[in-house]
Protein backbone atom coordinates (compact mmCIF):
# COMPACT_ATOMS: atom_id res chain seq x y z
CA MET A 1 -24.82 41.17 -14.11
CA LYS A 2 -24.37 39.16 -10.86
CA PRO A 3 -26.21 36.13 -12.05
CA ILE A 4 -23.94 36.07 -15.27
CA ILE A 5 -20.80 36.27 -13.03
CA VAL A 6 -21.96 33.41 -10.86
CA PHE A 7 -22.71 31.38 -13.94
CA LEU A 8 -19.16 32.02 -15.40
CA LEU A 9 -17.66 30.99 -11.97
CA ILE A 10 -19.44 27.75 -12.14
CA MET A 11 -18.39 27.04 -15.60
CA LEU A 12 -14.89 27.88 -15.02
CA VAL A 13 -14.36 26.22 -11.63
CA PRO A 14 -16.09 22.74 -11.84
CA GLY A 15 -16.26 20.97 -8.45
CA SER A 16 -15.80 17.48 -9.73
CA ALA A 17 -12.73 17.63 -11.93
CA VAL A 18 -10.42 14.66 -11.84
CA GLY A 19 -6.59 15.17 -12.07
CA GLU A 20 -4.20 13.75 -14.59
CA PRO A 21 -3.47 10.08 -14.19
CA PRO A 22 -0.17 9.31 -12.46
CA LYS A 23 2.59 8.05 -14.77
CA GLY A 24 1.90 4.85 -16.42
CA MET A 25 -1.74 4.80 -15.51
CA VAL A 26 -4.95 5.77 -17.33
CA LEU A 27 -8.25 7.23 -16.11
CA VAL A 28 -11.31 4.95 -16.14
CA PRO A 29 -14.13 7.48 -15.81
CA ALA A 30 -17.11 7.02 -13.37
CA GLY A 31 -20.29 5.54 -14.66
CA GLU A 32 -22.31 2.49 -15.30
CA PHE A 33 -21.30 -0.54 -17.41
CA THR A 34 -22.43 -4.02 -18.09
CA MET A 35 -20.78 -6.57 -15.87
CA GLY A 36 -21.24 -10.21 -16.53
CA THR A 37 -23.12 -11.89 -19.61
CA ASP A 38 -26.36 -13.54 -20.54
CA ASP A 39 -24.53 -16.09 -22.72
CA PRO A 40 -26.11 -19.41 -21.66
CA GLN A 41 -22.76 -21.15 -22.31
CA ALA A 42 -20.90 -19.11 -19.80
CA PRO A 43 -20.40 -20.33 -16.21
CA THR A 44 -23.05 -19.35 -13.70
CA ASP A 45 -20.76 -17.09 -11.65
CA GLN A 46 -20.74 -14.91 -14.79
CA ARG A 47 -24.38 -14.75 -15.16
CA PRO A 48 -26.70 -12.75 -15.63
CA ALA A 49 -25.45 -9.39 -17.09
CA HIS A 50 -26.24 -6.51 -14.82
CA LYS A 51 -25.44 -2.89 -14.51
CA VAL A 52 -22.81 -1.78 -12.00
CA HIS A 53 -21.74 1.79 -11.13
CA VAL A 54 -18.03 2.30 -10.64
CA ASP A 55 -16.39 5.58 -9.35
CA ASP A 56 -13.45 7.34 -11.16
CA PHE A 57 -10.29 5.46 -10.84
CA TYR A 58 -6.84 4.92 -12.38
CA MET A 59 -5.57 1.73 -13.76
CA ASP A 60 -2.00 0.62 -14.72
CA LYS A 61 -1.72 0.70 -18.45
CA HIS A 62 0.57 -2.26 -18.24
CA GLU A 63 1.01 -5.45 -15.87
CA VAL A 64 3.60 -4.88 -13.31
CA THR A 65 6.87 -6.12 -14.69
CA ASN A 66 9.92 -8.00 -13.30
CA ALA A 67 11.83 -4.69 -13.16
CA GLN A 68 9.10 -3.06 -11.15
CA PHE A 69 8.71 -6.01 -8.68
CA GLU A 70 12.48 -6.12 -8.39
CA GLU A 71 12.51 -2.51 -6.98
CA PHE A 72 9.99 -3.75 -4.23
CA ILE A 73 12.40 -6.71 -3.38
CA LEU A 74 15.44 -4.44 -3.33
CA ALA A 75 13.70 -1.86 -1.13
CA ASP A 76 13.54 -4.85 1.46
CA GLY A 77 9.80 -5.07 0.99
CA TYR A 78 9.66 -8.80 2.02
CA ASN A 79 11.07 -7.81 5.41
CA LYS A 80 8.78 -4.89 6.19
CA ARG A 81 5.69 -5.97 7.98
CA LYS A 82 3.81 -2.67 7.23
CA TYR A 83 3.21 -3.73 3.64
CA TRP A 84 1.56 -7.11 4.43
CA THR A 85 -1.70 -8.37 5.65
CA LYS A 86 -1.61 -10.28 8.90
CA GLU A 87 -2.16 -13.58 6.88
CA GLY A 88 0.36 -12.59 4.32
CA TRP A 89 3.00 -11.93 6.75
CA GLU A 90 2.44 -15.27 8.49
CA PHE A 91 2.60 -16.99 4.92
CA ILE A 92 5.86 -15.42 3.82
CA GLN A 93 7.50 -16.20 7.26
CA LYS A 94 6.75 -19.90 6.53
CA LYS A 95 7.66 -19.79 2.68
CA ARG A 96 10.53 -17.35 2.58
CA PHE A 97 11.62 -18.44 -0.93
CA TYR A 98 9.96 -20.25 -3.80
CA TYR A 99 11.68 -23.21 -5.42
CA SER A 100 12.29 -22.46 -9.14
CA TYR A 101 11.83 -24.61 -12.13
CA PRO A 102 11.59 -23.51 -16.04
CA GLY A 103 9.08 -20.84 -16.50
CA LYS A 104 8.85 -19.80 -12.79
CA ILE A 105 10.41 -17.08 -10.69
CA THR A 106 12.29 -17.33 -7.47
CA TYR A 107 12.25 -14.73 -4.82
CA ARG A 108 14.85 -15.20 -1.97
CA ILE A 109 16.05 -13.24 0.92
CA ASP A 110 19.67 -14.10 0.15
CA LYS A 111 19.23 -13.55 -3.66
CA PRO A 112 16.64 -10.83 -4.26
CA LEU A 113 15.62 -11.83 -7.66
CA ALA A 114 16.52 -15.11 -9.44
CA PHE A 115 14.82 -17.07 -12.21
CA GLY A 116 14.41 -20.70 -13.06
CA GLU A 117 16.81 -22.21 -15.55
CA ASN A 118 15.76 -21.37 -19.09
CA SER A 119 12.94 -19.33 -17.73
CA VAL A 120 10.58 -17.74 -20.25
CA SER A 121 10.22 -14.61 -18.17
CA THR A 122 13.80 -13.26 -17.48
CA ALA A 123 13.33 -10.04 -19.30
CA PRO A 124 12.90 -6.84 -17.15
CA ASP A 125 9.87 -5.75 -19.28
CA HIS A 126 8.07 -9.03 -19.08
CA PRO A 127 5.13 -9.25 -16.67
CA VAL A 128 6.07 -10.60 -13.31
CA ILE A 129 4.73 -14.07 -12.48
CA GLY A 130 4.73 -16.63 -9.70
CA VAL A 131 3.51 -14.10 -7.11
CA SER A 132 0.65 -15.04 -4.77
CA TRP A 133 -2.18 -12.62 -3.98
CA TYR A 134 -0.40 -11.79 -0.73
CA GLU A 135 2.70 -10.73 -2.39
CA ALA A 136 0.77 -8.70 -4.97
CA ALA A 137 -1.15 -6.90 -2.21
CA ALA A 138 2.13 -6.17 -0.42
CA TYR A 139 3.55 -4.65 -3.66
CA VAL A 140 0.69 -2.35 -4.41
CA LYS A 141 0.70 -1.12 -0.87
CA TRP A 142 4.38 -0.26 -1.13
CA ALA A 143 3.70 1.52 -4.47
CA GLY A 144 0.87 3.61 -2.96
CA LYS A 145 -1.64 1.99 -5.01
CA ARG A 146 -4.06 -1.01 -4.75
CA LEU A 147 -5.35 -3.98 -6.53
CA PRO A 148 -8.53 -3.47 -8.75
CA THR A 149 -11.84 -4.80 -7.63
CA GLU A 150 -13.30 -7.22 -10.14
CA ALA A 151 -15.93 -4.54 -11.11
CA GLU A 152 -13.07 -2.13 -11.77
CA TRP A 153 -11.11 -4.67 -13.76
CA GLU A 154 -14.05 -5.62 -15.97
CA LYS A 155 -14.94 -2.11 -16.68
CA ALA A 156 -11.40 -1.30 -17.52
CA SER A 157 -11.23 -4.27 -19.86
CA ARG A 158 -14.56 -3.86 -21.79
CA GLY A 159 -15.72 -0.41 -21.43
CA THR A 160 -19.50 0.48 -21.49
CA ASP A 161 -20.54 -1.40 -24.67
CA GLY A 162 -20.49 -4.93 -23.23
CA ARG A 163 -18.01 -6.21 -25.67
CA VAL A 164 -16.66 -9.81 -25.43
CA TYR A 165 -12.91 -9.11 -25.59
CA PRO A 166 -11.06 -5.88 -24.94
CA TRP A 167 -10.85 -4.97 -28.45
CA GLY A 168 -14.29 -6.00 -29.58
CA ASN A 169 -16.50 -9.03 -30.09
CA ALA A 170 -14.51 -11.06 -32.55
CA PHE A 171 -11.48 -13.14 -31.53
CA ASP A 172 -8.34 -12.06 -33.18
CA PHE A 173 -4.90 -13.63 -32.81
CA SER A 174 -3.26 -10.43 -34.02
CA LYS A 175 -4.44 -8.67 -30.85
CA ILE A 176 -3.29 -10.94 -28.13
CA ASN A 177 -0.31 -12.91 -26.76
CA TYR A 178 -1.93 -16.32 -26.92
CA PHE A 179 -1.11 -19.97 -27.69
CA PRO A 180 -0.43 -21.34 -30.17
CA HIS A 181 0.91 -18.22 -32.13
CA HIS A 182 2.89 -17.32 -29.10
CA GLN A 183 4.05 -19.97 -26.47
CA LYS A 184 5.89 -17.70 -24.04
CA LEU A 185 5.60 -14.26 -22.32
CA LEU A 186 6.49 -11.19 -24.33
CA HIS A 187 7.25 -7.59 -23.09
CA VAL A 188 4.20 -5.66 -21.79
CA GLY A 189 2.32 -3.77 -24.47
CA SER A 190 3.38 -6.02 -27.37
CA PHE A 191 -0.08 -5.90 -28.93
CA PRO A 192 -1.26 -2.22 -28.85
CA THR A 193 -4.18 -3.02 -31.19
CA GLY A 194 -5.63 -5.20 -28.48
CA ALA A 195 -5.98 -2.39 -26.02
CA SER A 196 -9.17 -1.85 -24.14
CA PRO A 197 -11.50 1.18 -24.76
CA TYR A 198 -9.45 3.12 -22.10
CA GLY A 199 -6.03 2.06 -23.55
CA VAL A 200 -5.25 -0.64 -21.06
CA MET A 201 -3.02 -3.18 -22.55
CA ASP A 202 -2.83 -7.00 -22.22
CA MET A 203 -6.11 -7.52 -20.42
CA ALA A 204 -6.69 -10.78 -22.25
CA GLY A 205 -3.83 -13.36 -22.67
CA SER A 206 -0.35 -12.46 -21.52
CA VAL A 207 -0.88 -13.32 -17.82
CA ALA A 208 -4.06 -13.51 -15.68
CA GLU A 209 -4.34 -10.84 -13.07
CA TRP A 210 -5.20 -10.77 -9.38
CA CYS A 211 -8.07 -8.59 -8.30
CA ALA A 212 -8.75 -7.31 -4.83
CA ASN A 213 -11.81 -9.39 -3.98
CA GLY A 214 -13.21 -12.80 -4.18
CA LYS A 215 -15.51 -15.37 -2.42
CA GLY A 216 -14.84 -16.67 1.09
CA GLU A 217 -11.03 -17.17 1.50
CA SER A 218 -10.43 -17.26 -2.25
CA LYS A 219 -9.25 -14.34 -4.47
CA THR A 220 -10.33 -13.78 -8.04
CA HIS A 221 -7.91 -13.43 -11.01
CA ARG A 222 -9.09 -12.18 -14.53
CA GLY A 223 -7.96 -12.07 -18.04
CA GLY A 224 -6.74 -15.54 -18.64
CA GLY A 225 -2.98 -16.08 -19.61
CA TRP A 226 -1.27 -17.21 -22.89
CA ASN A 227 -2.08 -20.66 -22.41
CA ALA A 228 -5.73 -20.24 -21.16
CA THR A 229 -8.88 -21.52 -22.88
CA ARG A 230 -10.58 -19.32 -25.27
CA LEU A 231 -13.45 -18.74 -22.79
CA GLN A 232 -11.06 -17.62 -20.15
CA LEU A 233 -10.00 -14.76 -22.27
CA GLN A 234 -13.40 -13.13 -22.40
CA CYS A 235 -13.89 -9.92 -20.36
CA THR A 236 -16.36 -11.62 -18.06
CA SER A 237 -14.33 -14.74 -17.24
CA ARG A 238 -13.65 -15.29 -13.49
CA GLU A 239 -11.25 -17.71 -11.93
CA GLU A 240 -10.54 -18.18 -8.21
CA ALA A 241 -7.66 -19.43 -6.22
CA VAL A 242 -6.46 -19.28 -2.57
CA PRO A 243 -4.24 -16.27 -1.83
CA THR A 244 -1.12 -18.38 -1.48
CA TYR A 245 -1.39 -19.68 -5.01
CA ARG A 246 1.40 -18.88 -7.37
CA HIS A 247 1.66 -19.77 -11.04
CA TYR A 248 3.76 -19.08 -14.06
CA THR A 249 0.83 -17.40 -16.04
CA LEU A 250 -0.41 -15.32 -13.09
CA GLY A 251 0.50 -11.78 -12.31
CA PHE A 252 -1.20 -8.57 -11.44
CA ARG A 253 -1.56 -4.72 -12.30
CA CYS A 254 -2.28 -1.66 -9.94
CA ALA A 255 -5.29 0.53 -9.51
CA LYS A 256 -5.59 3.91 -7.57
CA ASP A 257 -8.44 5.98 -6.42
CA ALA A 258 -8.85 9.04 -8.79
CA ASP A 259 -7.74 12.33 -7.10
C-alpha cells in the first residue's frame, strides 16, 4: 500500500509545474528548437541551422503599444535612474527629447507623449515606435519584465518545426501587415491567422522588435517591419543597430521568466 500512496503523491504534486501566464502573455514551453537556417541564400549570421535549448518563459502576445508606453512616461520613468542602464541614463540626459516628423514619435519631459504631424502611429493600440534599445530596456524593467533573448524570440516566432514564417513556410499577404497591401501601422493583433505556434501576434511585419542581446556594442532586432524586405520577415532574420538607434518601424515586446 505504501508504494502506491507515494506514487499517487508524485502524480498529483508534480515538482516542475509552470504557473498561468501573466495577463497579456503566453507560455513558450521549455525544450529544443531549430535556430537559424541552412538556406544558402541567407546571410552568414543566420547559418547554419542548429539546435538550441530554451527554458520555460512567457512572451507578450502583442507588441508594446503607445498606450502602454505612455503609462511608463506618465509614471515619470524618464526621470527615474533605477530603470536605466548606466549607458542608457547617460544617453537620455543628452537627448531628452526626440524631434518629430511624419511617422515618428516624440517623447518629451514637458509634454509626456506627442506625435509627429500626420503620424501614422497616433492610435493608443498601435505598436510604439521610435524608441531606442535603452528606452525599451527601461520600460521592461519598469514593467517587471525583460527583453527576450534572440533565441527566445526565434522560438516564440517559429516553434519547433523550423518553419520559415510564424504561420508556416509559404508567404501569405493575408497574415501580415506588410507593404504594399498595408502602408502604415495597424492596431496590434490585426492578423490573428498570422500568429505563431504559441499564439504570439505580429512577429513578422508590423514593426521590428528589439532583443536583449547582440554582438559587441550593437543590439539585435528581429521580425522586420511593414516596409521590410521579404527576407527580413523570416523567423531567422537578424538585424543589428547601436542601442541609441530609433526608427519608425522599430518597437519591442516583453518577455518574463516562467514562475
